[in-house]
Amino acid sequence: MSAFTKIKAIKHALSASESKLATFTLDSPNAVRDLSSQELANVVGVSQSSVVKFAQKLGYKGYPAFKLAVIDSLNKEAPNTQIHGKITLSDGFEQMADKLLASKIGVLNETRNLNEMVAFERAVELLKNAKRVMICGIGGSALVCKDFAYKLQKLGITAIAEADGHIQLALASTFGENDVVVAISESGSTREIANVVNEARSNHAMVISITKYGHNQIADKAQVQLYSVAEEASLRLSSILARTAQELIIDMLFIALTQASRPGRKLLEKTNEVVSQFKRQKN
């Protein structure tokens, strides 16, 4: 996972000193690779121990490993197509469309880079072998849940997506070790979803989380953690971008499941053919 991606994902949860280091690294990554930990501390105006703690918070053993990760990220970095600035009431249609498109592309790239292949492989294995699957989310995430349930049903997987938090909790109480809960929460702290996850775990059900990157009460309880990104803080964009990122995750899972299950592919072909036949019928 890119060092820059990690920094962006946890930037909101950093201390003042760590935030300074994060900003400097993102703004001047070429400078970081030429600085020692003490030199970086002096330039940014923090202690050397803050530099080490910052590196460790990102998952690196120390500053040398962090610096190597920054160099690696610089070597792999794609051209930045992001259009900066928020959509405003004064934006023309083309400017609004360009900003929205750039925001979606950025979120999709960040979400893809946040997730490791091994986590997807584990999630696919759990879903493929599950007796029942419940996908739970509240608000905008509930729309993503319903979409994922439809996709899984087409593959012959018994999938449930109820928008009501009380119903989700009640269903979780009936789940057991052969069942899977997919918990979707942008913040990772949605109270209703956290309760469902706790209930599912108490009954030995497996949990796959789709949340923001980093420690949170939902991801920390899940056996498999997947991450989505919505960087834009604007109220006009946040829900749109959150769903964009979440949809990428469920679409990747759906396609991976289709690749991994021959019976699932057969059922998908059958459902597509049934719908196609209906559309071809003349009134």
C-alpha atoms as a PDB file:
ATOM      1  CA  MET A   1       0.000   0.000   0.000  1.00  0.00           C
ATOM      2  CA  SER A   2       1.356   3.429  -0.941  1.00  0.00           C
ATOM      3  CA  ALA A   3       2.786   5.510   1.901  1.00  0.00           C
ATOM      4  CA  PHE A   4       0.898   8.522   0.555  1.00  0.00           C
ATOM      5  CA  THR A   5      -2.373   6.581   0.558  1.00  0.00           C
ATOM      6  CA  LYS A   6      -1.840   5.574   4.191  1.00  0.00           C
ATOM      7  CA  ILE A   7      -1.101   9.157   5.238  1.00  0.00           C
ATOM      8  CA  LYS A   8      -4.215  10.533   3.519  1.00  0.00           C
ATOM      9  CA  ALA A   9      -6.375   7.827   5.055  1.00  0.00           C
ATOM     10  CA  ILE A  10      -5.379   8.527   8.677  1.00  0.00           C
ATOM     11  CA  LYS A  11      -4.590  12.245   8.437  1.00  0.00           C
ATOM     12  CA  HIS A  12      -7.791  13.175  10.292  1.00  0.00           C
ATOM     13  CA  ALA A  13      -6.724  11.106  13.317  1.00  0.00           C
ATOM     14  CA  LEU A  14      -3.189  12.447  13.742  1.00  0.00           C
ATOM     15  CA  SER A  15      -1.811  14.578  16.561  1.00  0.00           C
ATOM     16  CA  ALA A  16      -0.641  18.140  15.871  1.00  0.00           C
ATOM     17  CA  SER A  17       2.997  17.062  15.425  1.00  0.00           C
ATOM     18  CA  GLU A  18       2.046  14.092  13.276  1.00  0.00           C
ATOM     19  CA  SER A  19      -0.223  16.278  11.178  1.00  0.00           C
ATOM     20  CA  LYS A  20       2.718  18.587  10.444  1.00  0.00           C
ATOM     21  CA  LEU A  21       4.791  15.600   9.354  1.00  0.00           C
ATOM     22  CA  ALA A  22       1.944  14.289   7.192  1.00  0.00           C
ATOM     23  CA  THR A  23       1.478  17.632   5.451  1.00  0.00           C
ATOM     24  CA  PHE A  24       5.193  18.036   4.817  1.00  0.00           C
ATOM     25  CA  THR A  25       5.505  14.483   3.450  1.00  0.00           C
ATOM     26  CA  LEU A  26       2.577  14.934   1.065  1.00  0.00           C
ATOM     27  CA  ASP A  27       3.682  18.405  -0.052  1.00  0.00           C
ATOM     28  CA  SER A  28       7.441  17.749  -0.261  1.00  0.00           C
ATOM     29  CA  PRO A  29       8.018  13.996  -0.634  1.00  0.00           C
ATOM     30  CA  ASN A  30      11.247  14.504  -2.584  1.00  0.00           C
ATOM     31  CA  ALA A  31      12.712  16.365   0.380  1.00  0.00           C
ATOM     32  CA  VAL A  32      11.870  13.536   2.793  1.00  0.00           C
ATOM     33  CA  ARG A  33      14.034  11.008   1.010  1.00  0.00           C
ATOM     34  CA  ASP A  34      17.101  13.214   1.469  1.00  0.00           C
ATOM     35  CA  LEU A  35      16.564  13.941   5.174  1.00  0.00           C
ATOM     36  CA  SER A  36      17.509  11.988   8.274  1.00  0.00           C
ATOM     37  CA  SER A  37      14.926  11.650  11.032  1.00  0.00           C
ATOM     38  CA  GLN A  38      16.579  14.446  13.025  1.00  0.00           C
ATOM     39  CA  GLU A  39      16.821  16.690   9.959  1.00  0.00           C
ATOM     40  CA  LEU A  40      13.149  16.105   9.152  1.00  0.00           C
ATOM     41  CA  ALA A  41      12.231  16.896  12.758  1.00  0.00           C
ATOM     42  CA  ASN A  42      14.177  20.168  12.584  1.00  0.00           C
ATOM     43  CA  VAL A  43      12.619  21.198   9.266  1.00  0.00           C
ATOM     44  CA  VAL A  44       9.062  20.482  10.380  1.00  0.00           C
ATOM     45  CA  GLY A  45       9.546  21.777  13.921  1.00  0.00           C
ATOM     46  CA  VAL A  46       8.812  18.623  15.907  1.00  0.00           C
ATOM     47  CA  SER A  47      10.851  16.228  18.041  1.00  0.00           C
ATOM     48  CA  GLN A  48      12.766  13.301  16.583  1.00  0.00           C
ATOM     49  CA  SER A  49      10.616  10.934  18.657  1.00  0.00           C
ATOM     50  CA  SER A  50       7.525  12.363  16.902  1.00  0.00           C
ATOM     51  CA  VAL A  51       9.060  11.395  13.566  1.00  0.00           C
ATOM     52  CA  VAL A  52       9.611   7.827  14.733  1.00  0.00           C
ATOM     53  CA  LYS A  53       6.118   7.564  16.230  1.00  0.00           C
ATOM     54  CA  PHE A  54       4.636   8.928  12.993  1.00  0.00           C
ATOM     55  CA  ALA A  55       6.411   6.232  10.977  1.00  0.00           C
ATOM     56  CA  GLN A  56       5.243   3.534  13.376  1.00  0.00           C
ATOM     57  CA  LYS A  57       1.639   4.763  13.304  1.00  0.00           C
ATOM     58  CA  LEU A  58       1.710   4.215   9.545  1.00  0.00           C
ATOM     59  CA  GLY A  59       2.783   0.613  10.121  1.00  0.00           C
ATOM     60  CA  TYR A  60       6.552   0.923   9.530  1.00  0.00           C
ATOM     61  CA  LYS A  61       9.158  -0.385  11.972  1.00  0.00           C
ATOM     62  CA  GLY A  62      10.984   2.917  11.990  1.00  0.00           C
ATOM     63  CA  TYR A  63      11.979   5.983  10.022  1.00  0.00           C
ATOM     64  CA  PRO A  64      14.305   4.174   7.541  1.00  0.00           C
ATOM     65  CA  ALA A  65      11.446   1.868   6.492  1.00  0.00           C
ATOM     66  CA  PHE A  66       9.129   4.856   6.190  1.00  0.00           C
ATOM     67  CA  LYS A  67      11.626   6.745   4.016  1.00  0.00           C
ATOM     68  CA  LEU A  68      12.026   3.714   1.727  1.00  0.00           C
ATOM     69  CA  ALA A  69       8.224   3.535   1.416  1.00  0.00           C
ATOM     70  CA  VAL A  70       8.101   7.223   0.435  1.00  0.00           C
ATOM     71  CA  ILE A  71      10.769   6.645  -2.230  1.00  0.00           C
ATOM     72  CA  ASP A  72       8.875   3.618  -3.520  1.00  0.00           C
ATOM     73  CA  SER A  73       5.650   5.630  -3.660  1.00  0.00           C
ATOM     74  CA  LEU A  74       7.381   8.425  -5.568  1.00  0.00           C
ATOM     75  CA  ASN A  75       8.677   5.924  -8.124  1.00  0.00           C
ATOM     76  CA  LYS A  76       5.218   4.448  -8.628  1.00  0.00           C
ATOM     77  CA  GLU A  77       3.187   7.653  -8.417  1.00  0.00           C
ATOM     78  CA  ALA A  78       0.807   8.225 -11.333  1.00  0.00           C
ATOM     79  CA  PRO A  79       0.259  11.719 -12.750  1.00  0.00           C
ATOM     80  CA  ASN A  80      -2.128  13.705 -10.564  1.00  0.00           C
ATOM     81  CA  THR A  81      -5.373  14.349 -12.430  1.00  0.00           C
ATOM     82  CA  GLN A  82      -7.185  15.799  -9.418  1.00  0.00           C
ATOM     83  CA  ILE A  83      -8.903  19.140  -9.995  1.00  0.00           C
ATOM     84  CA  HIS A  84      -8.565  21.075  -6.757  1.00  0.00           C
ATOM     85  CA  GLY A  85     -11.334  23.095  -5.230  1.00  0.00           C
ATOM     86  CA  LYS A  86     -14.869  22.305  -4.128  1.00  0.00           C
ATOM     87  CA  ILE A  87     -17.973  22.441  -6.238  1.00  0.00           C
ATOM     88  CA  THR A  88     -19.726  25.757  -5.565  1.00  0.00           C
ATOM     89  CA  LEU A  89     -23.049  27.315  -6.467  1.00  0.00           C
ATOM     90  CA  SER A  90     -21.272  29.549  -8.987  1.00  0.00           C
ATOM     91  CA  ASP A  91     -19.685  26.652 -10.920  1.00  0.00           C
ATOM     92  CA  GLY A  92     -20.876  26.173 -14.463  1.00  0.00           C
ATOM     93  CA  PHE A  93     -22.077  22.734 -15.549  1.00  0.00           C
ATOM     94  CA  GLU A  94     -18.790  21.740 -17.195  1.00  0.00           C
ATOM     95  CA  GLN A  95     -16.711  22.898 -14.220  1.00  0.00           C
ATOM     96  CA  MET A  96     -19.011  21.062 -11.803  1.00  0.00           C
ATOM     97  CA  ALA A  97     -18.877  17.912 -13.942  1.00  0.00           C
ATOM     98  CA  ASP A  98     -15.083  18.035 -14.206  1.00  0.00           C
ATOM     99  CA  LYS A  99     -14.654  18.496 -10.452  1.00  0.00           C
ATOM    100  CA  LEU A 100     -17.065  15.689  -9.652  1.00  0.00           C
ATOM    101  CA  LEU A 101     -15.435  13.337 -12.153  1.00  0.00           C
ATOM    102  CA  ALA A 102     -11.964  14.118 -10.807  1.00  0.00           C
ATOM    103  CA  SER A 103     -13.176  13.568  -7.237  1.00  0.00           C
ATOM    104  CA  LYS A 104     -14.676  10.184  -8.158  1.00  0.00           C
ATOM    105  CA  ILE A 105     -11.526   9.095  -9.989  1.00  0.00           C
ATOM    106  CA  GLY A 106      -9.398  10.130  -7.022  1.00  0.00           C
ATOM    107  CA  VAL A 107     -11.594   8.241  -4.556  1.00  0.00           C
ATOM    108  CA  LEU A 108     -11.605   5.114  -6.731  1.00  0.00           C
ATOM    109  CA  ASN A 109      -7.817   5.142  -7.040  1.00  0.00           C
ATOM    110  CA  GLU A 110      -7.322   5.699  -3.310  1.00  0.00           C
ATOM    111  CA  THR A 111      -9.786   2.937  -2.418  1.00  0.00           C
ATOM    112  CA  ARG A 112      -8.104   0.484  -4.768  1.00  0.00           C
ATOM    113  CA  ASN A 113      -4.682   1.311  -3.324  1.00  0.00           C
ATOM    114  CA  LEU A 114      -5.838   0.981   0.298  1.00  0.00           C
ATOM    115  CA  ASN A 115      -6.868  -2.657  -0.048  1.00  0.00           C
ATOM    116  CA  GLU A 116      -4.591  -5.681  -0.112  1.00  0.00           C
ATOM    117  CA  MET A 117      -5.303  -8.665  -2.351  1.00  0.00           C
ATOM    118  CA  VAL A 118      -5.127 -11.116   0.558  1.00  0.00           C
ATOM    119  CA  ALA A 119      -8.065  -9.382   2.288  1.00  0.00           C
ATOM    120  CA  PHE A 120     -10.211  -9.663  -0.836  1.00  0.00           C
ATOM    121  CA  GLU A 121      -9.281 -13.324  -1.231  1.00  0.00           C
ATOM    122  CA  ARG A 122     -10.319 -14.049   2.356  1.00  0.00           C
ATOM    123  CA  ALA A 123     -13.594 -12.144   1.928  1.00  0.00           C
ATOM    124  CA  VAL A 124     -14.417 -14.031  -1.271  1.00  0.00           C
ATOM    125  CA  GLU A 125     -13.756 -17.355   0.430  1.00  0.00           C
ATOM    126  CA  LEU A 126     -16.044 -16.475   3.351  1.00  0.00           C
ATOM    127  CA  LEU A 127     -18.869 -15.294   1.084  1.00  0.00           C
ATOM    128  CA  LYS A 128     -18.589 -18.271  -1.244  1.00  0.00           C
ATOM    129  CA  ASN A 129     -18.933 -20.759   1.618  1.00  0.00           C
ATOM    130  CA  ALA A 130     -21.481 -18.887   3.728  1.00  0.00           C
ATOM    131  CA  LYS A 131     -24.821 -20.418   4.612  1.00  0.00           C
ATOM    132  CA  ARG A 132     -26.352 -16.927   4.856  1.00  0.00           C
ATOM    133  CA  VAL A 133     -25.002 -13.436   4.263  1.00  0.00           C
ATOM    134  CA  MET A 134     -26.401 -10.244   5.757  1.00  0.00           C
ATOM    135  CA  ILE A 135     -25.171  -6.910   4.395  1.00  0.00           C
ATOM    136  CA  CYS A 136     -25.876  -4.110   6.851  1.00  0.00           C
ATOM    137  CA  GLY A 137     -25.562  -0.347   6.570  1.00  0.00           C
ATOM    138  CA  ILE A 138     -27.524   2.784   7.434  1.00  0.00           C
ATOM    139  CA  GLY A 139     -28.455   5.778   5.257  1.00  0.00           C
ATOM    140  CA  GLY A 140     -26.530   5.989   1.998  1.00  0.00           C
ATOM    141  CA  SER A 141     -24.648   2.796   2.839  1.00  0.00           C
ATOM    142  CA  ALA A 142     -27.983   0.938   2.924  1.00  0.00           C
ATOM    143  CA  LEU A 143     -28.325   1.558  -0.823  1.00  0.00           C
ATOM    144  CA  VAL A 144     -24.970  -0.095  -1.370  1.00  0.00           C
ATOM    145  CA  CYS A 145     -26.063  -3.002   0.832  1.00  0.00           C
ATOM    146  CA  LYS A 146     -29.188  -3.613  -1.263  1.00  0.00           C
ATOM    147  CA  ASP A 147     -27.163  -3.518  -4.476  1.00  0.00           C
ATOM    148  CA  PHE A 148     -24.663  -6.048  -3.103  1.00  0.00           C
ATOM    149  CA  ALA A 149     -27.456  -8.342  -1.912  1.00  0.00           C
ATOM    150  CA  TYR A 150     -28.972  -8.394  -5.402  1.00  0.00           C
ATOM    151  CA  LYS A 151     -25.583  -9.222  -6.900  1.00  0.00           C
ATOM    152  CA  LEU A 152     -24.975 -12.084  -4.458  1.00  0.00           C
ATOM    153  CA  GLN A 153     -28.471 -13.468  -5.006  1.00  0.00           C
ATOM    154  CA  LYS A 154     -27.763 -13.726  -8.741  1.00  0.00           C
ATOM    155  CA  LEU A 155     -24.849 -16.013  -7.852  1.00  0.00           C
ATOM    156  CA  GLY A 156     -27.103 -18.245  -5.755  1.00  0.00           C
ATOM    157  CA  ILE A 157     -25.879 -16.880  -2.407  1.00  0.00           C
ATOM    158  CA  THR A 158     -28.553 -16.368   0.235  1.00  0.00           C
ATOM    159  CA  ALA A 159     -28.093 -12.663   0.914  1.00  0.00           C
ATOM    160  CA  ILE A 160     -30.188 -10.302   3.054  1.00  0.00           C
ATOM    161  CA  ALA A 161     -30.132  -6.492   3.116  1.00  0.00           C
ATOM    162  CA  GLU A 162     -32.560  -4.760   5.456  1.00  0.00           C
ATOM    163  CA  ALA A 163     -32.352  -0.991   5.912  1.00  0.00           C
ATOM    164  CA  ASP A 164     -33.836  -0.958   9.432  1.00  0.00           C
ATOM    165  CA  GLY A 165     -31.221  -1.196  12.185  1.00  0.00           C
ATOM    166  CA  HIS A 166     -33.546  -3.061  14.552  1.00  0.00           C
ATOM    167  CA  ILE A 167     -34.255  -5.732  11.943  1.00  0.00           C
ATOM    168  CA  GLN A 168     -30.544  -6.053  11.240  1.00  0.00           C
ATOM    169  CA  LEU A 169     -29.857  -6.584  14.931  1.00  0.00           C
ATOM    170  CA  ALA A 170     -32.635  -9.147  15.250  1.00  0.00           C
ATOM    171  CA  LEU A 171     -31.349 -11.096  12.252  1.00  0.00           C
ATOM    172  CA  ALA A 172     -27.795 -10.994  13.597  1.00  0.00           C
ATOM    173  CA  SER A 173     -29.037 -12.737  16.732  1.00  0.00           C
ATOM    174  CA  THR A 174     -30.022 -15.736  14.544  1.00  0.00           C
ATOM    175  CA  PHE A 175     -26.654 -15.956  12.791  1.00  0.00           C
ATOM    176  CA  GLY A 176     -24.048 -18.568  13.644  1.00  0.00           C
ATOM    177  CA  GLU A 177     -20.591 -19.779  12.706  1.00  0.00           C
ATOM    178  CA  ASN A 178     -21.578 -20.654   9.130  1.00  0.00           C
ATOM    179  CA  ASP A 179     -23.024 -17.199   8.445  1.00  0.00           C
ATOM    180  CA  VAL A 180     -21.355 -13.952   7.372  1.00  0.00           C
ATOM    181  CA  VAL A 181     -22.169 -10.316   8.124  1.00  0.00           C
ATOM    182  CA  VAL A 182     -20.858  -7.615   5.781  1.00  0.00           C
ATOM    183  CA  ALA A 183     -20.805  -4.373   7.790  1.00  0.00           C
ATOM    184  CA  ILE A 184     -20.647  -1.173   5.718  1.00  0.00           C
ATOM    185  CA  SER A 185     -19.977   2.116   7.494  1.00  0.00           C
ATOM    186  CA  GLU A 186     -17.992   5.014   6.085  1.00  0.00           C
ATOM    187  CA  SER A 187     -17.006   6.224   9.557  1.00  0.00           C
ATOM    188  CA  GLY A 188     -16.551   2.784  11.089  1.00  0.00           C
ATOM    189  CA  SER A 189     -18.464   3.981  14.146  1.00  0.00           C
ATOM    190  CA  THR A 190     -22.139   3.866  13.117  1.00  0.00           C
ATOM    191  CA  ARG A 191     -23.871   2.819  16.347  1.00  0.00           C
ATOM    192  CA  GLU A 192     -26.482   0.570  14.750  1.00  0.00           C
ATOM    193  CA  ILE A 193     -23.888  -1.300  12.677  1.00  0.00           C
ATOM    194  CA  ALA A 194     -21.496  -1.636  15.612  1.00  0.00           C
ATOM    195  CA  ASN A 195     -24.318  -3.301  17.589  1.00  0.00           C
ATOM    196  CA  VAL A 196     -24.998  -5.721  14.722  1.00  0.00           C
ATOM    197  CA  VAL A 197     -21.305  -6.616  14.518  1.00  0.00           C
ATOM    198  CA  ASN A 198     -21.091  -7.217  18.280  1.00  0.00           C
ATOM    199  CA  GLU A 199     -24.165  -9.452  18.190  1.00  0.00           C
ATOM    200  CA  ALA A 200     -22.872 -11.396  15.188  1.00  0.00           C
ATOM    201  CA  ARG A 201     -19.481 -11.957  16.797  1.00  0.00           C
ATOM    202  CA  SER A 202     -21.085 -13.103  20.062  1.00  0.00           C
ATOM    203  CA  ASN A 203     -22.834 -15.808  18.026  1.00  0.00           C
ATOM    204  CA  HIS A 204     -19.581 -16.801  16.294  1.00  0.00           C
ATOM    205  CA  ALA A 205     -20.600 -15.453  12.888  1.00  0.00           C
ATOM    206  CA  MET A 206     -17.887 -14.108  10.599  1.00  0.00           C
ATOM    207  CA  VAL A 207     -17.708 -10.373   9.884  1.00  0.00           C
ATOM    208  CA  ILE A 208     -16.353  -8.519   6.851  1.00  0.00           C
ATOM    209  CA  SER A 209     -16.082  -4.765   7.386  1.00  0.00           C
ATOM    210  CA  ILE A 210     -16.035  -1.999   4.773  1.00  0.00           C
ATOM    211  CA  THR A 211     -15.031   1.199   6.579  1.00  0.00           C
ATOM    212  CA  LYS A 212     -12.564   4.064   6.500  1.00  0.00           C
ATOM    213  CA  TYR A 213      -8.922   3.074   6.845  1.00  0.00           C
ATOM    214  CA  GLY A 214      -7.465   2.650  10.317  1.00  0.00           C
ATOM    215  CA  HIS A 215      -8.676   1.482  13.700  1.00  0.00           C
ATOM    216  CA  ASN A 216     -12.395   1.880  14.409  1.00  0.00           C
ATOM    217  CA  GLN A 217     -14.913  -0.055  16.468  1.00  0.00           C
ATOM    218  CA  ILE A 218     -16.410  -1.907  13.486  1.00  0.00           C
ATOM    219  CA  ALA A 219     -13.219  -2.843  11.619  1.00  0.00           C
ATOM    220  CA  ASP A 220     -11.492  -3.878  14.847  1.00  0.00           C
ATOM    221  CA  LYS A 221     -14.195  -6.510  15.481  1.00  0.00           C
ATOM    222  CA  ALA A 222     -14.151  -7.903  11.918  1.00  0.00           C
ATOM    223  CA  GLN A 223     -12.180 -10.941  10.782  1.00  0.00           C
ATOM    224  CA  VAL A 224     -11.654  -9.310   7.371  1.00  0.00           C
ATOM    225  CA  GLN A 225     -11.146  -5.566   6.931  1.00  0.00           C
ATOM    226  CA  LEU A 226     -11.758  -3.792   3.616  1.00  0.00           C
ATOM    227  CA  TYR A 227     -11.437  -0.029   3.272  1.00  0.00           C
ATOM    228  CA  SER A 228     -13.194   2.724   1.341  1.00  0.00           C
ATOM    229  CA  VAL A 229     -12.228   6.365   0.951  1.00  0.00           C
ATOM    230  CA  ALA A 230     -14.163   9.622   0.687  1.00  0.00           C
ATOM    231  CA  GLU A 231     -11.696  12.487   0.970  1.00  0.00           C
ATOM    232  CA  GLU A 232     -13.975  15.407   0.113  1.00  0.00           C
ATOM    233  CA  ALA A 233     -15.510  16.968   3.210  1.00  0.00           C
ATOM    234  CA  SER A 234     -18.148  18.993   1.359  1.00  0.00           C
ATOM    235  CA  LEU A 235     -21.672  17.981   2.328  1.00  0.00           C
ATOM    236  CA  ARG A 236     -22.664  18.090  -1.342  1.00  0.00           C
ATOM    237  CA  LEU A 237     -20.040  15.502  -2.202  1.00  0.00           C
ATOM    238  CA  SER A 238     -19.421  13.306   0.831  1.00  0.00           C
ATOM    239  CA  SER A 239     -22.319  10.884   0.410  1.00  0.00           C
ATOM    240  CA  ILE A 240     -21.758  10.616  -3.332  1.00  0.00           C
ATOM    241  CA  LEU A 241     -18.063   9.854  -2.960  1.00  0.00           C
ATOM    242  CA  ALA A 242     -18.600   7.455  -0.060  1.00  0.00           C
ATOM    243  CA  ARG A 243     -21.000   5.385  -2.161  1.00  0.00           C
ATOM    244  CA  THR A 244     -18.620   5.549  -5.125  1.00  0.00           C
ATOM    245  CA  ALA A 245     -15.855   4.023  -3.004  1.00  0.00           C
ATOM    246  CA  GLN A 246     -18.136   1.433  -1.399  1.00  0.00           C
ATOM    247  CA  GLU A 247     -19.568   0.404  -4.773  1.00  0.00           C
ATOM    248  CA  LEU A 248     -16.059  -0.274  -6.053  1.00  0.00           C
ATOM    249  CA  ILE A 249     -15.464  -2.663  -3.137  1.00  0.00           C
ATOM    250  CA  ILE A 250     -18.672  -4.627  -3.651  1.00  0.00           C
ATOM    251  CA  ASP A 251     -18.208  -4.740  -7.426  1.00  0.00           C
ATOM    252  CA  MET A 252     -14.700  -6.145  -6.979  1.00  0.00           C
ATOM    253  CA  LEU A 253     -16.060  -8.763  -4.583  1.00  0.00           C
ATOM    254  CA  PHE A 254     -18.869  -9.658  -6.973  1.00  0.00           C
ATOM    255  CA  ILE A 255     -16.544 -10.107  -9.951  1.00  0.00           C
ATOM    256  CA  ALA A 256     -14.039 -12.074  -7.871  1.00  0.00           C
ATOM    257  CA  LEU A 257     -16.861 -14.344  -6.666  1.00  0.00           C
ATOM    258  CA  THR A 258     -18.010 -14.827 -10.251  1.00  0.00           C
ATOM    259  CA  GLN A 259     -14.480 -15.836 -11.225  1.00  0.00           C
ATOM    260  CA  ALA A 260     -14.173 -18.211  -8.275  1.00  0.00           C
ATOM    261  CA  SER A 261     -17.512 -20.031  -8.577  1.00  0.00           C
ATOM    262  CA  ARG A 262     -18.483 -22.049 -11.629  1.00  0.00           C
ATOM    263  CA  PRO A 263     -22.005 -22.771 -10.243  1.00  0.00           C
ATOM    264  CA  GLY A 264     -22.348 -19.061  -9.556  1.00  0.00           C
ATOM    265  CA  ARG A 265     -21.420 -18.220 -13.145  1.00  0.00           C
ATOM    266  CA  LYS A 266     -24.016 -20.686 -14.425  1.00  0.00           C
ATOM    267  CA  LEU A 267     -26.728 -19.113 -12.286  1.00  0.00           C
ATOM    268  CA  LEU A 268     -25.693 -15.631 -13.364  1.00  0.00           C
ATOM    269  CA  GLU A 269     -25.915 -16.669 -17.013  1.00  0.00           C
ATOM    270  CA  LYS A 270     -29.366 -18.132 -16.331  1.00  0.00           C
ATOM    271  CA  THR A 271     -30.677 -14.998 -14.617  1.00  0.00           C
ATOM    272  CA  ASN A 272     -29.354 -12.817 -17.426  1.00  0.00           C
ATOM    273  CA  GLU A 273     -30.975 -15.031 -20.034  1.00  0.00           C
ATOM    274  CA  VAL A 274     -34.339 -15.045 -18.244  1.00  0.00           C
ATOM    275  CA  VAL A 275     -34.371 -11.251 -18.132  1.00  0.00           C
ATOM    276  CA  SER A 276     -33.252 -11.034 -21.765  1.00  0.00           C
ATOM    277  CA  GLN A 277     -36.051 -13.358 -22.868  1.00  0.00           C
ATOM    278  CA  PHE A 278     -38.589 -11.229 -21.038  1.00  0.00           C
ATOM    279  CA  LYS A 279     -37.297  -8.088 -22.736  1.00  0.00           C
ATOM    280  CA  ARG A 280     -37.556  -9.751 -26.150  1.00  0.00           C
ATOM    281  CA  GLN A 281     -41.168 -10.729 -25.648  1.00  0.00           C
ATOM    282  CA  LYS A 282     -43.671  -8.692 -27.644  1.00  0.00           C
ATOM    283  CA  ASN A 283     -46.709  -7.308 -25.921  1.00  0.00           C
END
